[in-house]
Amino acid sequence: MDDQIHIEQLEVFAHIGVPDEERAAAQKLTFNLTFWPVRPMDDLNDEVGRAVNYAAVCAEVRKFVEPRSDKLVETLSNALAFHLLEVFEIRRITVELRKYILPEVEFVSVIVTRERLRN
């Protein structure tokens, strides 16, 4: 089964960066999320309660990310992936976090893929 859901360009503002002065003000991050639900899509029977609520996933990303103050995007991406695996009925997730900090590039991104440790 390779059914997946993708969320593109979710904007979140967070305090992140190695120097303290970079973390002092919230900066824009964007997340691209791809996740593989535990339940195959042909088992949903068109019942919304059986599906992963992607609006709730977006809200949970904001709720998890906004209060944090990580130095590394790697740390934040990894923590977010494991958090979403615990909160939602998903078996695998890929999180791409984009940060817009370097003037000579459009963005820098980190991509992590994690799987549920247990079903």
N, C-alpha and C. Protein backbone atom coordinates (compact mmCIF):
# COMPACT_ATOMS: atom_id res chain seq x y z
N MET A 1 0.84 -1.19 0.00
CA MET A 1 0.00 0.00 0.00
C MET A 1 0.88 1.24 0.00
N ASP A 2 0.59 2.15 -0.91
CA ASP A 2 1.39 3.37 -0.99
C ASP A 2 0.52 4.62 -1.00
N ASP A 3 -0.69 4.53 -0.41
CA ASP A 3 -1.57 5.69 -0.33
C ASP A 3 -0.91 6.75 0.53
N GLN A 4 -0.96 7.98 0.07
CA GLN A 4 -0.33 9.06 0.82
C GLN A 4 -1.12 10.35 0.69
N ILE A 5 -0.90 11.23 1.65
CA ILE A 5 -1.50 12.56 1.66
C ILE A 5 -0.34 13.54 1.70
N HIS A 6 -0.47 14.63 0.94
CA HIS A 6 0.60 15.62 0.88
C HIS A 6 0.05 16.99 1.22
N ILE A 7 0.74 17.71 2.07
CA ILE A 7 0.42 19.10 2.42
C ILE A 7 1.60 19.94 1.96
N GLU A 8 1.33 20.92 1.13
CA GLU A 8 2.39 21.72 0.50
C GLU A 8 2.39 23.15 1.03
N GLN A 9 3.55 23.62 1.44
CA GLN A 9 3.79 25.02 1.80
C GLN A 9 2.97 25.53 2.99
N LEU A 10 2.94 24.76 4.05
CA LEU A 10 2.30 25.21 5.29
C LEU A 10 3.23 26.22 5.96
N GLU A 11 2.79 27.46 6.09
CA GLU A 11 3.61 28.50 6.70
C GLU A 11 3.40 28.54 8.20
N VAL A 12 4.52 28.58 8.91
CA VAL A 12 4.51 28.67 10.37
C VAL A 12 5.62 29.63 10.77
N PHE A 13 5.39 30.43 11.79
CA PHE A 13 6.42 31.33 12.29
C PHE A 13 6.97 30.76 13.58
N ALA A 14 8.31 30.73 13.67
CA ALA A 14 8.95 30.10 14.83
C ALA A 14 10.27 30.78 15.14
N HIS A 15 10.69 30.61 16.37
CA HIS A 15 11.99 31.10 16.83
C HIS A 15 12.99 29.98 16.62
N ILE A 16 13.88 30.15 15.66
CA ILE A 16 14.83 29.10 15.33
C ILE A 16 16.11 29.73 14.81
N GLY A 17 17.23 29.11 15.14
CA GLY A 17 18.52 29.58 14.65
C GLY A 17 19.59 29.36 15.69
N VAL A 18 20.81 29.29 15.24
CA VAL A 18 21.93 29.02 16.16
C VAL A 18 22.22 30.22 17.05
N PRO A 19 22.44 31.42 16.50
CA PRO A 19 22.71 32.54 17.42
C PRO A 19 21.44 32.99 18.15
N ASP A 20 21.60 33.45 19.37
CA ASP A 20 20.46 33.94 20.15
C ASP A 20 19.70 35.04 19.43
N GLU A 21 20.43 35.93 18.76
CA GLU A 21 19.77 37.05 18.07
C GLU A 21 18.90 36.57 16.91
N GLU A 22 19.26 35.46 16.29
CA GLU A 22 18.42 34.91 15.22
C GLU A 22 17.12 34.33 15.79
N ARG A 23 17.20 33.74 16.97
CA ARG A 23 16.01 33.15 17.61
C ARG A 23 15.15 34.20 18.30
N ALA A 24 15.64 35.43 18.43
CA ALA A 24 14.92 36.47 19.17
C ALA A 24 13.57 36.81 18.52
N ALA A 25 13.51 36.81 17.21
CA ALA A 25 12.26 37.13 16.51
C ALA A 25 11.80 35.90 15.73
N ALA A 26 10.50 35.73 15.67
CA ALA A 26 9.96 34.61 14.91
C ALA A 26 10.21 34.83 13.42
N GLN A 27 10.56 33.77 12.73
CA GLN A 27 10.79 33.85 11.29
C GLN A 27 9.92 32.83 10.57
N LYS A 28 9.67 33.11 9.31
CA LYS A 28 8.81 32.23 8.52
C LYS A 28 9.54 30.94 8.17
N LEU A 29 8.84 29.84 8.39
CA LEU A 29 9.27 28.52 7.94
C LEU A 29 8.13 27.98 7.09
N THR A 30 8.44 27.12 6.14
CA THR A 30 7.38 26.41 5.44
C THR A 30 7.64 24.92 5.54
N PHE A 31 6.54 24.20 5.65
CA PHE A 31 6.60 22.75 5.79
C PHE A 31 5.87 22.11 4.61
N ASN A 32 6.50 21.08 4.06
CA ASN A 32 5.86 20.19 3.11
C ASN A 32 5.82 18.83 3.81
N LEU A 33 4.63 18.29 3.94
CA LEU A 33 4.43 17.04 4.66
C LEU A 33 3.82 16.00 3.75
N THR A 34 4.38 14.83 3.74
CA THR A 34 3.77 13.70 3.06
C THR A 34 3.65 12.60 4.09
N PHE A 35 2.43 12.06 4.21
CA PHE A 35 2.27 10.98 5.18
C PHE A 35 1.44 9.85 4.61
N TRP A 36 1.73 8.68 5.12
CA TRP A 36 1.09 7.44 4.72
C TRP A 36 0.18 7.01 5.86
N PRO A 37 -1.14 7.10 5.69
CA PRO A 37 -2.06 6.72 6.76
C PRO A 37 -1.97 5.23 7.10
N VAL A 38 -2.34 4.91 8.31
CA VAL A 38 -2.39 3.52 8.75
C VAL A 38 -3.47 2.77 7.96
N ARG A 39 -4.59 3.43 7.75
CA ARG A 39 -5.74 2.80 7.06
C ARG A 39 -5.66 3.10 5.56
N PRO A 40 -5.75 2.08 4.71
CA PRO A 40 -5.76 2.31 3.26
C PRO A 40 -6.98 3.14 2.85
N MET A 41 -6.82 3.94 1.82
CA MET A 41 -7.92 4.81 1.40
C MET A 41 -9.14 4.05 0.92
N ASP A 42 -8.95 2.84 0.39
CA ASP A 42 -10.13 2.08 -0.05
C ASP A 42 -10.88 1.46 1.13
N ASP A 43 -10.36 1.61 2.35
CA ASP A 43 -11.06 1.16 3.56
C ASP A 43 -11.82 2.29 4.27
N LEU A 44 -11.78 3.50 3.72
CA LEU A 44 -12.41 4.65 4.38
C LEU A 44 -13.92 4.67 4.23
N ASN A 45 -14.44 4.04 3.19
CA ASN A 45 -15.88 4.01 2.94
C ASN A 45 -16.50 5.40 2.91
N ASP A 46 -15.74 6.38 2.45
CA ASP A 46 -16.20 7.76 2.33
C ASP A 46 -16.66 8.34 3.67
N GLU A 47 -16.09 7.83 4.77
CA GLU A 47 -16.41 8.30 6.12
C GLU A 47 -15.25 9.16 6.63
N VAL A 48 -15.51 10.44 6.82
CA VAL A 48 -14.46 11.38 7.22
C VAL A 48 -13.79 10.98 8.54
N GLY A 49 -14.54 10.37 9.45
CA GLY A 49 -13.99 9.96 10.73
C GLY A 49 -12.95 8.86 10.65
N ARG A 50 -12.91 8.18 9.53
CA ARG A 50 -11.93 7.10 9.34
C ARG A 50 -10.64 7.61 8.69
N ALA A 51 -10.67 8.83 8.18
CA ALA A 51 -9.52 9.42 7.48
C ALA A 51 -8.66 10.23 8.45
N VAL A 52 -7.43 10.48 8.05
CA VAL A 52 -6.58 11.41 8.80
C VAL A 52 -7.04 12.82 8.44
N ASN A 53 -7.38 13.60 9.43
CA ASN A 53 -7.88 14.95 9.24
C ASN A 53 -6.69 15.87 8.95
N TYR A 54 -6.51 16.25 7.70
CA TYR A 54 -5.33 17.03 7.35
C TYR A 54 -5.40 18.46 7.87
N ALA A 55 -6.59 18.99 8.11
CA ALA A 55 -6.69 20.30 8.77
C ALA A 55 -6.17 20.20 10.20
N ALA A 56 -6.48 19.10 10.86
CA ALA A 56 -5.97 18.88 12.23
C ALA A 56 -4.46 18.70 12.22
N VAL A 57 -3.92 18.07 11.18
CA VAL A 57 -2.46 17.92 11.07
C VAL A 57 -1.83 19.31 10.97
N CYS A 58 -2.38 20.18 10.14
CA CYS A 58 -1.84 21.54 10.01
C CYS A 58 -1.90 22.30 11.33
N ALA A 59 -3.02 22.20 12.02
CA ALA A 59 -3.16 22.87 13.32
C ALA A 59 -2.15 22.32 14.33
N GLU A 60 -1.94 21.01 14.31
CA GLU A 60 -0.99 20.39 15.24
C GLU A 60 0.44 20.81 14.94
N VAL A 61 0.77 20.97 13.68
CA VAL A 61 2.11 21.45 13.32
C VAL A 61 2.33 22.83 13.94
N ARG A 62 1.37 23.73 13.76
CA ARG A 62 1.50 25.08 14.34
C ARG A 62 1.61 25.01 15.87
N LYS A 63 0.74 24.24 16.47
CA LYS A 63 0.72 24.12 17.94
C LYS A 63 2.06 23.58 18.47
N PHE A 64 2.67 22.66 17.74
CA PHE A 64 3.93 22.05 18.16
C PHE A 64 5.12 22.96 17.90
N VAL A 65 5.14 23.61 16.73
CA VAL A 65 6.32 24.37 16.29
C VAL A 65 6.41 25.76 16.94
N GLU A 66 5.31 26.49 16.99
CA GLU A 66 5.36 27.90 17.40
C GLU A 66 5.97 28.15 18.77
N PRO A 67 5.74 27.34 19.80
CA PRO A 67 6.34 27.65 21.10
C PRO A 67 7.81 27.22 21.24
N ARG A 68 8.31 26.47 20.30
CA ARG A 68 9.67 25.94 20.40
C ARG A 68 10.71 27.01 20.11
N SER A 69 11.95 26.72 20.51
CA SER A 69 13.07 27.62 20.23
C SER A 69 14.31 26.78 19.96
N ASP A 70 14.26 26.02 18.88
CA ASP A 70 15.37 25.14 18.52
C ASP A 70 16.47 25.92 17.81
N LYS A 71 17.68 25.42 17.93
CA LYS A 71 18.79 25.99 17.18
C LYS A 71 18.83 25.44 15.76
N LEU A 72 18.58 24.15 15.61
CA LEU A 72 18.75 23.49 14.31
C LEU A 72 17.42 23.10 13.68
N VAL A 73 17.30 23.33 12.37
CA VAL A 73 16.12 22.87 11.65
C VAL A 73 16.08 21.34 11.64
N GLU A 74 17.24 20.72 11.71
CA GLU A 74 17.30 19.27 11.78
C GLU A 74 16.60 18.74 13.03
N THR A 75 16.85 19.40 14.16
CA THR A 75 16.22 19.01 15.43
C THR A 75 14.71 19.17 15.36
N LEU A 76 14.27 20.31 14.86
CA LEU A 76 12.84 20.59 14.77
C LEU A 76 12.14 19.62 13.82
N SER A 77 12.72 19.36 12.67
CA SER A 77 12.11 18.43 11.70
C SER A 77 11.94 17.04 12.28
N ASN A 78 12.98 16.56 12.92
CA ASN A 78 12.95 15.23 13.53
C ASN A 78 11.90 15.15 14.63
N ALA A 79 11.89 16.13 15.52
CA ALA A 79 10.93 16.14 16.62
C ALA A 79 9.50 16.21 16.10
N LEU A 80 9.27 17.04 15.09
CA LEU A 80 7.93 17.16 14.53
C LEU A 80 7.47 15.86 13.89
N ALA A 81 8.34 15.20 13.15
CA ALA A 81 7.98 13.94 12.51
C ALA A 81 7.53 12.91 13.54
N PHE A 82 8.32 12.73 14.61
CA PHE A 82 7.95 11.75 15.63
C PHE A 82 6.69 12.16 16.37
N HIS A 83 6.50 13.46 16.59
CA HIS A 83 5.28 13.93 17.26
C HIS A 83 4.04 13.60 16.43
N LEU A 84 4.08 13.89 15.15
CA LEU A 84 2.91 13.62 14.30
C LEU A 84 2.62 12.13 14.18
N LEU A 85 3.66 11.31 14.19
CA LEU A 85 3.45 9.86 14.18
C LEU A 85 2.71 9.39 15.43
N GLU A 86 2.97 10.04 16.55
CA GLU A 86 2.31 9.67 17.80
C GLU A 86 0.87 10.18 17.88
N VAL A 87 0.62 11.34 17.33
CA VAL A 87 -0.69 11.98 17.48
C VAL A 87 -1.72 11.45 16.48
N PHE A 88 -1.27 11.13 15.28
CA PHE A 88 -2.21 10.75 14.22
C PHE A 88 -2.01 9.30 13.79
N GLU A 89 -3.03 8.76 13.14
CA GLU A 89 -2.97 7.39 12.64
C GLU A 89 -2.24 7.35 11.30
N ILE A 90 -0.95 7.61 11.39
CA ILE A 90 -0.09 7.55 10.21
C ILE A 90 1.06 6.60 10.52
N ARG A 91 1.50 5.89 9.50
CA ARG A 91 2.56 4.90 9.72
C ARG A 91 3.92 5.39 9.27
N ARG A 92 3.94 6.41 8.41
CA ARG A 92 5.19 6.94 7.89
C ARG A 92 4.97 8.40 7.52
N ILE A 93 6.02 9.22 7.71
CA ILE A 93 5.90 10.64 7.37
C ILE A 93 7.22 11.16 6.83
N THR A 94 7.11 12.05 5.85
CA THR A 94 8.26 12.82 5.38
C THR A 94 7.96 14.28 5.67
N VAL A 95 8.88 14.93 6.36
CA VAL A 95 8.76 16.34 6.68
C VAL A 95 9.88 17.09 5.98
N GLU A 96 9.50 18.06 5.16
CA GLU A 96 10.49 18.98 4.62
C GLU A 96 10.25 20.32 5.29
N LEU A 97 11.29 20.85 5.91
CA LEU A 97 11.23 22.16 6.55
C LEU A 97 12.10 23.11 5.75
N ARG A 98 11.53 24.21 5.30
CA ARG A 98 12.27 25.23 4.55
C ARG A 98 12.46 26.46 5.41
N LYS A 99 13.69 26.96 5.40
CA LYS A 99 14.05 28.15 6.17
C LYS A 99 14.63 29.18 5.20
N TYR A 100 14.23 30.43 5.36
CA TYR A 100 14.58 31.50 4.43
C TYR A 100 15.55 32.46 5.12
N ILE A 101 16.79 32.02 5.29
CA ILE A 101 17.73 32.79 6.10
C ILE A 101 18.93 33.31 5.32
N LEU A 102 19.35 32.61 4.29
CA LEU A 102 20.54 33.03 3.54
C LEU A 102 20.14 33.94 2.38
N PRO A 103 20.77 35.10 2.26
CA PRO A 103 20.36 36.05 1.22
C PRO A 103 20.63 35.57 -0.21
N GLU A 104 21.59 34.71 -0.39
CA GLU A 104 21.97 34.31 -1.75
C GLU A 104 21.25 33.05 -2.25
N VAL A 105 20.36 32.48 -1.45
CA VAL A 105 19.60 31.30 -1.87
C VAL A 105 18.12 31.51 -1.56
N GLU A 106 17.26 30.83 -2.29
CA GLU A 106 15.82 30.96 -2.05
C GLU A 106 15.45 30.42 -0.67
N PHE A 107 15.96 29.23 -0.35
CA PHE A 107 15.72 28.64 0.96
C PHE A 107 16.72 27.53 1.19
N VAL A 108 16.82 27.12 2.44
CA VAL A 108 17.57 25.93 2.84
C VAL A 108 16.53 24.98 3.40
N SER A 109 16.63 23.70 3.05
CA SER A 109 15.64 22.77 3.59
C SER A 109 16.30 21.52 4.15
N VAL A 110 15.57 20.92 5.08
CA VAL A 110 15.93 19.64 5.67
C VAL A 110 14.75 18.72 5.41
N ILE A 111 15.03 17.49 5.01
CA ILE A 111 13.98 16.51 4.76
C ILE A 111 14.27 15.27 5.60
N VAL A 112 13.29 14.89 6.42
CA VAL A 112 13.42 13.67 7.21
C VAL A 112 12.22 12.77 6.93
N THR A 113 12.47 11.48 6.94
CA THR A 113 11.40 10.49 6.82
C THR A 113 11.49 9.57 8.02
N ARG A 114 10.38 9.42 8.71
CA ARG A 114 10.34 8.59 9.91
C ARG A 114 9.15 7.65 9.82
N GLU A 115 9.27 6.51 10.52
CA GLU A 115 8.18 5.53 10.54
C GLU A 115 7.74 5.27 11.96
N ARG A 116 6.48 4.90 12.10
CA ARG A 116 5.91 4.55 13.39
C ARG A 116 6.67 3.36 13.96
N LEU A 117 7.05 3.45 15.21
CA LEU A 117 7.80 2.39 15.84
C LEU A 117 6.94 1.18 16.15
N ARG A 118 5.63 1.43 16.37
CA ARG A 118 4.70 0.34 16.67
C ARG A 118 3.37 0.66 16.02
N ASN A 119 2.57 -0.36 15.81
CA ASN A 119 1.23 -0.15 15.23
C ASN A 119 0.15 -0.16 16.25
